[in-house]
N, C-alpha and C. Protein backbone atom coordinates (compact mmCIF):
# COMPACT_ATOMS: atom_id res chain seq x y z
N MET A 1 -46.65 16.18 237.89
CA MET A 1 -45.59 15.75 236.99
C MET A 1 -44.32 16.51 237.28
N MET A 2 -43.68 16.14 238.32
CA MET A 2 -42.46 16.84 238.71
C MET A 2 -41.27 16.24 237.98
N GLY A 3 -40.24 17.04 237.85
CA GLY A 3 -39.01 16.56 237.27
C GLY A 3 -38.89 16.74 235.77
N TYR A 4 -39.81 17.46 235.13
CA TYR A 4 -39.70 17.71 233.71
C TYR A 4 -39.19 19.13 233.47
N ALA A 5 -38.29 19.25 232.52
CA ALA A 5 -37.73 20.57 232.21
C ALA A 5 -37.51 20.71 230.71
N ASP A 6 -37.47 21.96 230.27
CA ASP A 6 -37.13 22.30 228.89
C ASP A 6 -35.70 22.85 228.91
N TYR A 7 -34.94 22.56 227.86
CA TYR A 7 -33.56 23.04 227.76
C TYR A 7 -33.37 23.74 226.43
N TYR A 8 -32.56 24.78 226.46
CA TYR A 8 -32.33 25.60 225.28
C TYR A 8 -30.83 25.81 225.17
N LEU A 9 -30.21 25.31 224.11
CA LEU A 9 -28.78 25.46 223.88
C LEU A 9 -28.57 26.57 222.87
N LEU A 10 -27.69 27.50 223.21
CA LEU A 10 -27.45 28.63 222.32
C LEU A 10 -26.03 29.14 222.46
N LEU A 11 -25.63 29.91 221.47
CA LEU A 11 -24.34 30.59 221.48
C LEU A 11 -24.61 32.06 221.70
N SER A 12 -23.87 32.64 222.62
CA SER A 12 -24.10 34.03 222.97
C SER A 12 -22.94 34.89 222.49
N PRO A 13 -23.21 35.88 221.63
CA PRO A 13 -22.13 36.75 221.15
C PRO A 13 -21.68 37.72 222.24
N PRO A 14 -20.57 38.40 222.05
CA PRO A 14 -20.09 39.36 223.04
C PRO A 14 -21.03 40.57 223.16
N GLU A 15 -20.82 41.32 224.21
CA GLU A 15 -21.70 42.44 224.56
C GLU A 15 -21.85 43.47 223.44
N GLU A 16 -20.76 43.77 222.71
CA GLU A 16 -20.84 44.77 221.63
C GLU A 16 -21.85 44.34 220.56
N VAL A 17 -21.86 43.06 220.24
CA VAL A 17 -22.80 42.54 219.24
C VAL A 17 -24.22 42.60 219.80
N LYS A 18 -24.39 42.21 221.05
CA LYS A 18 -25.71 42.27 221.68
C LYS A 18 -26.27 43.69 221.64
N GLN A 19 -25.42 44.67 221.93
CA GLN A 19 -25.87 46.06 221.93
C GLN A 19 -26.25 46.52 220.52
N GLN A 20 -25.48 46.14 219.52
CA GLN A 20 -25.79 46.55 218.15
C GLN A 20 -27.09 45.90 217.67
N ILE A 21 -27.27 44.63 217.97
CA ILE A 21 -28.51 43.94 217.59
C ILE A 21 -29.69 44.60 218.29
N SER A 22 -29.51 44.97 219.54
CA SER A 22 -30.57 45.66 220.29
C SER A 22 -30.94 46.98 219.62
N ARG A 23 -29.96 47.69 219.09
CA ARG A 23 -30.24 48.94 218.37
C ARG A 23 -31.09 48.67 217.13
N TYR A 24 -30.76 47.61 216.39
CA TYR A 24 -31.55 47.26 215.21
C TYR A 24 -32.98 46.88 215.60
N LYS A 25 -33.13 46.18 216.71
CA LYS A 25 -34.47 45.81 217.18
C LYS A 25 -35.27 47.05 217.55
N LYS A 26 -34.64 47.98 218.27
CA LYS A 26 -35.34 49.21 218.67
C LYS A 26 -35.74 50.04 217.45
N ALA A 27 -34.86 50.13 216.47
CA ALA A 27 -35.19 50.86 215.24
C ALA A 27 -36.36 50.18 214.53
N SER A 28 -36.41 48.85 214.57
CA SER A 28 -37.52 48.12 213.95
C SER A 28 -38.83 48.39 214.68
N ILE A 29 -38.78 48.45 216.00
CA ILE A 29 -39.99 48.77 216.79
C ILE A 29 -40.51 50.14 216.40
N ASN A 30 -39.59 51.08 216.19
CA ASN A 30 -40.01 52.44 215.78
C ASN A 30 -40.72 52.43 214.43
N LYS A 31 -40.38 51.48 213.56
CA LYS A 31 -40.99 51.43 212.22
C LYS A 31 -42.30 50.64 212.18
N ILE A 32 -42.36 49.49 212.92
CA ILE A 32 -43.54 48.61 212.79
C ILE A 32 -44.27 48.35 214.10
N GLY A 33 -43.76 48.83 215.21
CA GLY A 33 -44.38 48.54 216.50
C GLY A 33 -43.85 47.24 217.09
N ALA A 34 -44.51 46.75 218.12
CA ALA A 34 -44.06 45.56 218.85
C ALA A 34 -44.08 44.31 217.97
N PHE A 35 -43.12 43.40 218.25
CA PHE A 35 -43.07 42.11 217.56
C PHE A 35 -42.50 41.06 218.50
N GLU A 36 -42.65 39.81 218.11
CA GLU A 36 -42.36 38.65 218.96
C GLU A 36 -40.97 38.64 219.60
N SER A 37 -39.94 38.91 218.88
CA SER A 37 -38.57 38.74 219.41
C SER A 37 -37.93 40.06 219.85
N MET A 38 -38.73 41.09 220.05
CA MET A 38 -38.16 42.42 220.28
C MET A 38 -37.34 42.52 221.57
N ASN A 39 -37.62 41.70 222.57
CA ASN A 39 -36.90 41.78 223.83
C ASN A 39 -35.88 40.67 224.04
N SER A 40 -35.74 39.78 223.06
CA SER A 40 -34.78 38.68 223.19
C SER A 40 -33.36 39.20 223.00
N PRO A 41 -32.46 38.83 223.92
CA PRO A 41 -31.06 39.23 223.70
C PRO A 41 -30.48 38.48 222.50
N ALA A 42 -29.52 39.08 221.84
CA ALA A 42 -28.89 38.48 220.66
C ALA A 42 -28.28 37.13 221.02
N HIS A 43 -28.55 36.13 220.18
CA HIS A 43 -28.01 34.79 220.37
C HIS A 43 -28.14 34.01 219.06
N ILE A 44 -27.42 32.89 219.02
CA ILE A 44 -27.55 31.94 217.91
C ILE A 44 -28.17 30.69 218.51
N SER A 45 -29.40 30.40 218.13
CA SER A 45 -30.09 29.22 218.65
C SER A 45 -29.47 27.95 218.07
N ILE A 46 -29.26 26.97 218.92
CA ILE A 46 -28.73 25.69 218.47
C ILE A 46 -29.83 24.63 218.51
N VAL A 47 -30.39 24.39 219.70
CA VAL A 47 -31.47 23.41 219.81
C VAL A 47 -32.27 23.69 221.08
N LYS A 48 -33.58 23.44 220.98
CA LYS A 48 -34.46 23.55 222.14
C LYS A 48 -35.15 22.21 222.31
N THR A 49 -35.10 21.66 223.51
CA THR A 49 -35.80 20.41 223.80
C THR A 49 -36.82 20.68 224.88
N GLU A 50 -37.97 20.07 224.74
CA GLU A 50 -39.05 20.31 225.69
C GLU A 50 -39.45 19.02 226.39
N ARG A 51 -39.96 19.19 227.60
CA ARG A 51 -40.50 18.10 228.41
C ARG A 51 -39.53 16.93 228.53
N GLN A 52 -38.35 17.23 229.03
CA GLN A 52 -37.32 16.22 229.25
C GLN A 52 -37.27 15.85 230.72
N LYS A 53 -36.99 14.59 231.01
CA LYS A 53 -36.82 14.16 232.40
C LYS A 53 -35.45 14.61 232.86
N ALA A 54 -35.43 15.53 233.82
CA ALA A 54 -34.17 16.14 234.25
C ALA A 54 -33.17 15.11 234.74
N PHE A 55 -33.62 14.07 235.43
CA PHE A 55 -32.68 13.09 235.98
C PHE A 55 -31.99 12.27 234.89
N ILE A 56 -32.54 12.29 233.67
CA ILE A 56 -31.90 11.61 232.54
C ILE A 56 -31.02 12.60 231.75
N VAL A 57 -31.55 13.79 231.49
CA VAL A 57 -30.87 14.75 230.62
C VAL A 57 -29.65 15.37 231.29
N GLU A 58 -29.75 15.70 232.56
CA GLU A 58 -28.65 16.43 233.20
C GLU A 58 -27.35 15.63 233.28
N PRO A 59 -27.37 14.32 233.57
CA PRO A 59 -26.11 13.57 233.47
C PRO A 59 -25.55 13.54 232.04
N ALA A 60 -26.46 13.57 231.05
CA ALA A 60 -26.01 13.61 229.65
C ALA A 60 -25.26 14.91 229.36
N PHE A 61 -25.68 16.00 230.00
CA PHE A 61 -24.95 17.27 229.82
C PHE A 61 -23.52 17.16 230.34
N GLU A 62 -23.32 16.40 231.41
CA GLU A 62 -21.96 16.22 231.94
C GLU A 62 -21.08 15.51 230.91
N ARG A 63 -21.62 14.49 230.27
CA ARG A 63 -20.86 13.77 229.23
C ARG A 63 -20.64 14.67 228.01
N MET A 64 -21.66 15.43 227.66
CA MET A 64 -21.56 16.35 226.52
C MET A 64 -20.49 17.40 226.78
N GLU A 65 -20.40 17.88 228.01
CA GLU A 65 -19.42 18.91 228.34
C GLU A 65 -18.00 18.44 228.06
N LYS A 66 -17.71 17.19 228.37
CA LYS A 66 -16.36 16.66 228.11
C LYS A 66 -16.04 16.69 226.62
N ARG A 67 -17.04 16.37 225.78
CA ARG A 67 -16.80 16.41 224.33
C ARG A 67 -16.64 17.85 223.84
N LEU A 68 -17.48 18.75 224.35
CA LEU A 68 -17.44 20.14 223.91
C LEU A 68 -16.14 20.83 224.35
N ASN A 69 -15.59 20.40 225.47
CA ASN A 69 -14.33 20.98 225.93
C ASN A 69 -13.18 20.70 224.97
N THR A 70 -13.34 19.73 224.08
CA THR A 70 -12.29 19.43 223.11
C THR A 70 -12.42 20.26 221.84
N MET A 71 -13.54 20.99 221.71
CA MET A 71 -13.76 21.82 220.52
C MET A 71 -13.01 23.15 220.65
N PRO A 72 -12.56 23.69 219.53
CA PRO A 72 -11.94 25.02 219.58
C PRO A 72 -13.02 26.11 219.60
N PRO A 73 -12.71 27.26 220.18
CA PRO A 73 -13.59 28.41 219.99
C PRO A 73 -13.54 28.80 218.50
N ILE A 74 -14.44 29.66 218.08
CA ILE A 74 -14.48 30.03 216.67
C ILE A 74 -14.77 31.53 216.52
N VAL A 75 -14.22 32.10 215.46
CA VAL A 75 -14.56 33.48 215.10
C VAL A 75 -15.64 33.40 214.02
N LEU A 76 -16.78 34.01 214.31
CA LEU A 76 -17.87 34.11 213.33
C LEU A 76 -17.91 35.54 212.81
N HIS A 77 -18.46 35.72 211.62
CA HIS A 77 -18.54 37.04 211.00
C HIS A 77 -19.98 37.36 210.62
N ILE A 78 -20.51 38.42 211.21
CA ILE A 78 -21.80 38.92 210.73
C ILE A 78 -21.52 39.61 209.42
N ASN A 79 -22.34 39.29 208.42
CA ASN A 79 -22.14 39.84 207.09
C ASN A 79 -23.47 40.32 206.53
N GLY A 80 -23.97 41.42 207.07
CA GLY A 80 -25.23 41.98 206.59
C GLY A 80 -26.44 41.26 207.14
N PHE A 81 -27.53 41.33 206.39
CA PHE A 81 -28.81 40.80 206.86
C PHE A 81 -29.44 39.92 205.80
N ASN A 82 -30.32 39.07 206.26
CA ASN A 82 -31.06 38.20 205.36
C ASN A 82 -32.42 37.93 206.00
N TYR A 83 -33.19 37.04 205.40
CA TYR A 83 -34.52 36.76 205.96
C TYR A 83 -34.94 35.33 205.67
N PHE A 84 -35.87 34.85 206.52
CA PHE A 84 -36.54 33.58 206.32
C PHE A 84 -37.99 33.88 205.99
N LYS A 85 -38.56 33.06 205.14
CA LYS A 85 -39.98 33.17 204.82
C LYS A 85 -40.69 32.02 205.55
N HIS A 86 -41.78 32.33 206.25
CA HIS A 86 -42.56 31.32 206.98
C HIS A 86 -43.96 31.27 206.35
N GLY A 87 -44.10 30.53 205.29
CA GLY A 87 -45.38 30.47 204.59
C GLY A 87 -45.66 31.78 203.87
N ASP A 88 -46.93 32.10 203.73
CA ASP A 88 -47.31 33.31 202.99
C ASP A 88 -47.55 34.52 203.88
N LYS A 89 -47.59 34.33 205.19
CA LYS A 89 -48.03 35.43 206.06
C LYS A 89 -46.96 35.99 207.00
N ALA A 90 -45.84 35.29 207.18
CA ALA A 90 -44.85 35.76 208.15
C ALA A 90 -43.43 35.59 207.62
N MET A 91 -42.54 36.45 208.13
CA MET A 91 -41.13 36.41 207.75
C MET A 91 -40.30 36.81 208.97
N SER A 92 -39.02 36.47 208.93
CA SER A 92 -38.08 36.86 209.98
C SER A 92 -36.86 37.49 209.35
N ILE A 93 -36.39 38.57 209.95
CA ILE A 93 -35.17 39.25 209.51
C ILE A 93 -34.06 38.91 210.50
N TYR A 94 -32.89 38.62 209.99
CA TYR A 94 -31.79 38.25 210.87
C TYR A 94 -30.45 38.80 210.38
N ALA A 95 -29.51 38.89 211.33
CA ALA A 95 -28.12 39.21 211.00
C ALA A 95 -27.50 37.92 210.49
N ASP A 96 -26.97 37.97 209.29
CA ASP A 96 -26.45 36.79 208.61
C ASP A 96 -25.03 36.48 209.08
N ILE A 97 -24.77 35.21 209.37
CA ILE A 97 -23.43 34.75 209.72
C ILE A 97 -22.80 34.17 208.46
N ARG A 98 -21.62 34.67 208.10
CA ARG A 98 -20.94 34.19 206.89
C ARG A 98 -20.68 32.69 206.99
N GLN A 99 -21.06 31.96 205.94
CA GLN A 99 -20.94 30.50 205.90
C GLN A 99 -19.72 30.10 205.09
N THR A 100 -18.60 29.92 205.75
CA THR A 100 -17.42 29.39 205.07
C THR A 100 -17.37 27.89 205.31
N ASP A 101 -16.49 27.20 204.60
CA ASP A 101 -16.34 25.76 204.83
C ASP A 101 -15.94 25.46 206.27
N SER A 102 -15.06 26.28 206.85
CA SER A 102 -14.62 26.02 208.23
C SER A 102 -15.76 26.27 209.23
N VAL A 103 -16.62 27.25 208.95
CA VAL A 103 -17.78 27.50 209.83
C VAL A 103 -18.75 26.33 209.74
N LYS A 104 -19.02 25.84 208.54
CA LYS A 104 -19.92 24.69 208.37
C LYS A 104 -19.36 23.47 209.09
N LYS A 105 -18.06 23.26 208.96
CA LYS A 105 -17.42 22.12 209.60
C LYS A 105 -17.50 22.24 211.13
N TRP A 106 -17.29 23.44 211.66
CA TRP A 106 -17.35 23.66 213.11
C TRP A 106 -18.76 23.36 213.63
N PHE A 107 -19.78 23.83 212.93
CA PHE A 107 -21.15 23.57 213.37
C PHE A 107 -21.50 22.09 213.26
N ARG A 108 -21.01 21.40 212.23
CA ARG A 108 -21.23 19.95 212.15
C ARG A 108 -20.60 19.25 213.36
N LEU A 109 -19.40 19.69 213.73
CA LEU A 109 -18.74 19.13 214.91
C LEU A 109 -19.54 19.42 216.18
N LEU A 110 -20.04 20.64 216.31
CA LEU A 110 -20.87 21.01 217.46
C LEU A 110 -22.09 20.10 217.56
N PHE A 111 -22.82 19.94 216.47
CA PHE A 111 -24.01 19.08 216.50
C PHE A 111 -23.64 17.64 216.80
N SER A 112 -22.51 17.19 216.31
CA SER A 112 -22.05 15.84 216.61
C SER A 112 -21.77 15.69 218.11
N CYS A 113 -21.12 16.69 218.70
CA CYS A 113 -20.79 16.64 220.13
C CYS A 113 -22.02 16.65 221.03
N ILE A 114 -23.10 17.26 220.57
CA ILE A 114 -24.31 17.32 221.40
C ILE A 114 -25.33 16.26 220.97
N ASN A 115 -24.90 15.37 220.05
CA ASN A 115 -25.74 14.25 219.59
C ASN A 115 -27.06 14.71 219.01
N VAL A 116 -27.00 15.72 218.15
CA VAL A 116 -28.19 16.22 217.48
C VAL A 116 -27.95 16.15 215.98
N LYS A 117 -28.88 15.52 215.28
CA LYS A 117 -28.79 15.49 213.82
C LYS A 117 -29.45 16.75 213.29
N HIS A 118 -28.74 17.46 212.46
CA HIS A 118 -29.28 18.71 211.91
C HIS A 118 -28.95 18.76 210.43
N ALA A 119 -29.92 18.41 209.60
CA ALA A 119 -29.69 18.32 208.16
C ALA A 119 -29.27 19.66 207.56
N SER A 120 -30.02 20.70 207.86
CA SER A 120 -29.65 22.01 207.35
C SER A 120 -29.72 23.01 208.50
N PHE A 121 -28.71 23.82 208.59
CA PHE A 121 -28.62 24.78 209.69
C PHE A 121 -28.06 26.08 209.14
N THR A 122 -28.73 27.17 209.43
CA THR A 122 -28.28 28.49 209.03
C THR A 122 -27.99 29.30 210.28
N PRO A 123 -26.73 29.40 210.68
CA PRO A 123 -26.45 30.21 211.87
C PRO A 123 -26.82 31.66 211.62
N HIS A 124 -27.53 32.25 212.57
CA HIS A 124 -28.01 33.62 212.40
C HIS A 124 -28.36 34.21 213.76
N ILE A 125 -28.51 35.53 213.80
CA ILE A 125 -28.97 36.23 214.99
C ILE A 125 -30.25 36.95 214.60
N THR A 126 -31.35 36.51 215.18
CA THR A 126 -32.66 37.06 214.80
C THR A 126 -32.81 38.51 215.24
N ILE A 127 -33.34 39.32 214.34
CA ILE A 127 -33.71 40.71 214.65
C ILE A 127 -35.21 40.77 214.89
N ALA A 128 -35.99 40.41 213.89
CA ALA A 128 -37.46 40.48 213.98
C ALA A 128 -38.03 39.14 213.53
N ARG A 129 -38.55 38.38 214.49
CA ARG A 129 -39.03 37.03 214.20
C ARG A 129 -40.54 37.01 213.95
N ASN A 130 -40.93 36.24 212.95
CA ASN A 130 -42.34 35.99 212.66
C ASN A 130 -43.17 37.26 212.50
N ILE A 131 -42.63 38.23 211.80
CA ILE A 131 -43.41 39.45 211.58
C ILE A 131 -44.30 39.27 210.36
N HIS A 132 -45.41 39.97 210.35
CA HIS A 132 -46.34 39.90 209.22
C HIS A 132 -45.62 40.37 207.96
N VAL A 133 -46.01 39.81 206.83
CA VAL A 133 -45.37 40.13 205.55
C VAL A 133 -45.38 41.64 205.27
N SER A 134 -46.47 42.32 205.61
CA SER A 134 -46.53 43.77 205.36
C SER A 134 -45.49 44.50 206.21
N ASP A 135 -45.26 44.05 207.45
CA ASP A 135 -44.22 44.64 208.30
C ASP A 135 -42.83 44.35 207.73
N PHE A 136 -42.66 43.15 207.21
CA PHE A 136 -41.39 42.80 206.58
C PHE A 136 -41.07 43.77 205.45
N TYR A 137 -42.06 44.03 204.58
CA TYR A 137 -41.82 44.92 203.44
C TYR A 137 -41.59 46.37 203.88
N THR A 138 -42.06 46.72 205.06
CA THR A 138 -41.75 48.04 205.63
C THR A 138 -40.30 48.09 206.11
N LEU A 139 -39.84 47.01 206.76
CA LEU A 139 -38.50 46.98 207.35
C LEU A 139 -37.39 46.62 206.36
N TRP A 140 -37.63 45.66 205.49
CA TRP A 140 -36.56 45.10 204.69
C TRP A 140 -35.76 46.13 203.89
N PRO A 141 -36.36 47.15 203.28
CA PRO A 141 -35.53 48.11 202.55
C PRO A 141 -34.44 48.75 203.41
N HIS A 142 -34.70 48.93 204.71
CA HIS A 142 -33.70 49.51 205.62
C HIS A 142 -32.57 48.51 205.89
N PHE A 143 -32.92 47.24 206.07
CA PHE A 143 -31.91 46.22 206.34
C PHE A 143 -31.14 45.85 205.07
N GLU A 144 -31.82 45.85 203.96
CA GLU A 144 -31.17 45.49 202.70
C GLU A 144 -30.03 46.45 202.38
N LYS A 145 -30.17 47.71 202.74
CA LYS A 145 -29.15 48.72 202.47
C LYS A 145 -28.08 48.80 203.57
N ALA A 146 -28.39 48.30 204.76
CA ALA A 146 -27.47 48.42 205.90
C ALA A 146 -26.22 47.58 205.69
N LYS A 147 -25.09 48.12 206.09
CA LYS A 147 -23.82 47.42 206.00
C LYS A 147 -23.33 47.12 207.41
N TYR A 148 -23.69 45.97 207.92
CA TYR A 148 -23.24 45.56 209.26
C TYR A 148 -22.32 44.36 209.11
N VAL A 149 -21.04 44.59 209.33
CA VAL A 149 -20.03 43.55 209.24
C VAL A 149 -19.28 43.54 210.57
N GLU A 150 -19.27 42.38 211.23
CA GLU A 150 -18.67 42.31 212.57
C GLU A 150 -18.14 40.91 212.85
N PRO A 151 -16.83 40.78 213.08
CA PRO A 151 -16.31 39.48 213.53
C PRO A 151 -16.43 39.39 215.06
N PHE A 152 -16.66 38.19 215.56
CA PHE A 152 -16.72 38.00 217.02
C PHE A 152 -16.41 36.55 217.37
N TRP A 153 -15.86 36.38 218.57
CA TRP A 153 -15.49 35.05 219.07
C TRP A 153 -16.69 34.40 219.73
N ILE A 154 -16.82 33.10 219.52
CA ILE A 154 -17.74 32.25 220.28
C ILE A 154 -16.85 31.27 221.05
N LYS A 155 -16.89 31.39 222.38
CA LYS A 155 -16.01 30.58 223.21
C LYS A 155 -16.74 29.62 224.13
N GLU A 156 -18.09 29.66 224.09
CA GLU A 156 -18.84 28.79 224.99
C GLU A 156 -20.25 28.54 224.48
N LEU A 157 -20.82 27.47 224.98
CA LEU A 157 -22.22 27.12 224.72
C LEU A 157 -23.00 27.38 226.00
N LEU A 158 -24.09 28.07 225.87
CA LEU A 158 -24.93 28.38 227.03
C LEU A 158 -26.12 27.43 227.03
N VAL A 159 -26.40 26.83 228.18
CA VAL A 159 -27.55 25.95 228.34
C VAL A 159 -28.53 26.62 229.30
N LEU A 160 -29.73 26.91 228.80
CA LEU A 160 -30.78 27.49 229.62
C LEU A 160 -31.76 26.39 230.00
N LYS A 161 -32.47 26.60 231.11
CA LYS A 161 -33.41 25.60 231.60
C LYS A 161 -34.65 26.31 232.15
N ARG A 162 -35.81 25.67 231.99
CA ARG A 162 -37.02 26.13 232.64
C ARG A 162 -37.87 24.91 232.98
N GLU A 163 -38.64 25.03 234.03
CA GLU A 163 -39.55 23.95 234.40
C GLU A 163 -40.64 23.87 233.34
N THR A 164 -40.99 22.66 232.93
CA THR A 164 -41.97 22.48 231.87
C THR A 164 -43.37 22.88 232.31
N PHE A 165 -43.78 22.44 233.49
CA PHE A 165 -45.16 22.64 233.91
C PHE A 165 -45.27 23.76 234.94
N THR A 166 -45.08 24.99 234.50
CA THR A 166 -45.26 26.15 235.37
C THR A 166 -46.14 27.15 234.63
N HIS A 167 -46.75 28.03 235.40
CA HIS A 167 -47.64 29.02 234.79
C HIS A 167 -46.86 30.11 234.05
N GLU A 168 -45.71 30.47 234.57
CA GLU A 168 -44.88 31.50 233.93
C GLU A 168 -43.49 30.93 233.71
N PRO A 169 -43.34 30.15 232.66
CA PRO A 169 -42.02 29.54 232.43
C PRO A 169 -40.98 30.60 232.07
N LYS A 170 -39.93 30.64 232.84
CA LYS A 170 -38.86 31.61 232.58
C LYS A 170 -37.55 30.84 232.43
N TRP A 171 -36.79 31.20 231.40
CA TRP A 171 -35.50 30.57 231.17
C TRP A 171 -34.49 31.11 232.17
N SER A 172 -33.66 30.22 232.71
CA SER A 172 -32.55 30.64 233.56
C SER A 172 -31.31 29.84 233.14
N ARG A 173 -30.16 30.40 233.45
CA ARG A 173 -28.89 29.76 233.07
C ARG A 173 -28.73 28.47 233.88
N TYR A 174 -28.57 27.37 233.17
CA TYR A 174 -28.33 26.08 233.83
C TYR A 174 -26.84 25.76 233.83
N LYS A 175 -26.19 25.97 232.69
CA LYS A 175 -24.78 25.59 232.57
C LYS A 175 -24.14 26.38 231.43
N THR A 176 -22.88 26.73 231.61
CA THR A 176 -22.07 27.33 230.56
C THR A 176 -20.93 26.36 230.28
N ILE A 177 -20.80 25.95 229.02
CA ILE A 177 -19.78 24.98 228.64
C ILE A 177 -18.78 25.66 227.72
N SER A 178 -17.52 25.68 228.14
CA SER A 178 -16.48 26.35 227.36
C SER A 178 -15.91 25.45 226.28
N PHE A 179 -15.59 26.07 225.15
CA PHE A 179 -14.83 25.40 224.11
C PHE A 179 -13.37 25.63 224.49
N LYS A 180 -12.66 24.56 224.83
CA LYS A 180 -11.34 24.72 225.44
C LYS A 180 -10.20 24.07 224.69
N ASN A 181 -10.38 23.76 223.47
CA ASN A 181 -9.32 23.09 222.73
C ASN A 181 -8.00 23.82 222.98
N GLU A 182 -7.05 23.12 223.58
CA GLU A 182 -5.79 23.76 223.99
C GLU A 182 -4.98 24.28 222.81
N PHE A 183 -4.98 23.57 221.69
CA PHE A 183 -4.25 24.03 220.52
C PHE A 183 -4.83 25.35 220.03
N ALA A 184 -6.15 25.46 220.00
CA ALA A 184 -6.79 26.69 219.55
C ALA A 184 -6.49 27.84 220.51
N ALA A 185 -6.46 27.55 221.80
CA ALA A 185 -6.15 28.59 222.79
C ALA A 185 -4.70 29.07 222.61
N LEU A 186 -3.80 28.14 222.31
CA LEU A 186 -2.40 28.50 222.09
C LEU A 186 -2.28 29.37 220.82
N ALA A 187 -2.99 28.98 219.77
CA ALA A 187 -2.94 29.74 218.52
C ALA A 187 -3.47 31.15 218.71
N GLU A 188 -4.47 31.30 219.59
CA GLU A 188 -5.04 32.62 219.85
C GLU A 188 -4.01 33.55 220.51
N LYS A 189 -3.12 32.99 221.32
CA LYS A 189 -2.11 33.79 222.04
C LYS A 189 -0.98 34.24 221.12
N ILE A 190 -0.76 33.52 220.04
CA ILE A 190 0.38 33.82 219.13
C ILE A 190 0.08 35.03 218.28
C-alpha cells in the first residue's frame, strides 16, 4: 500500500516559548517521572489526518497555501495554565492561550482556509498529556500557582508528514506556509 501518508498541521511558537515549555516539562518529569508528551516540542496542534493518499492531498496543500498566504500573522498570549479531563483516569496540563474575540475569529478563519470544520477549539500548548489523575494532583498545585504570561507571534503554519505504513513512523517537515497578509505586515512595521 504505497502512497499513503499522515499529515499533522500545527503552529510553532518562537524558540523562547519552546525553551520555557521544555523547562516546565522537565520540572514535571522530576515530580512524576516519564509521561507521554515529555519530549514533544512546544506547539499548538491544529489537525492531524491519517492514511491520506499523497497524490490527492499534496495538490490540495498547494491550493490551501494560497488561501493561508492571505491571512495575517497573529500575536497570541500565554496566560497561565489550565487542564483537560479525559474521563476518570487521565488529565492533561497545558499552557493556556488567552481567548479574545479576535483570537477566536483568527482561528475560525484558519480552519476555514484549511477546509476543516471545528466546532470547539481550545488553542493551547501541552505540557503533560494524558497523565494519570494521581500524577495530575501531584503536579497541578505547582502549575496553579505559576504565573507564566508570554505574548508571541505566530507567522506560519507547519505541515509535518510521515509514511502511514512504516515500522517506525517519524514526523518530518513537509511544508511551511507563511501568513503573509500584506496589510498586517505593514502594520507590524509601523
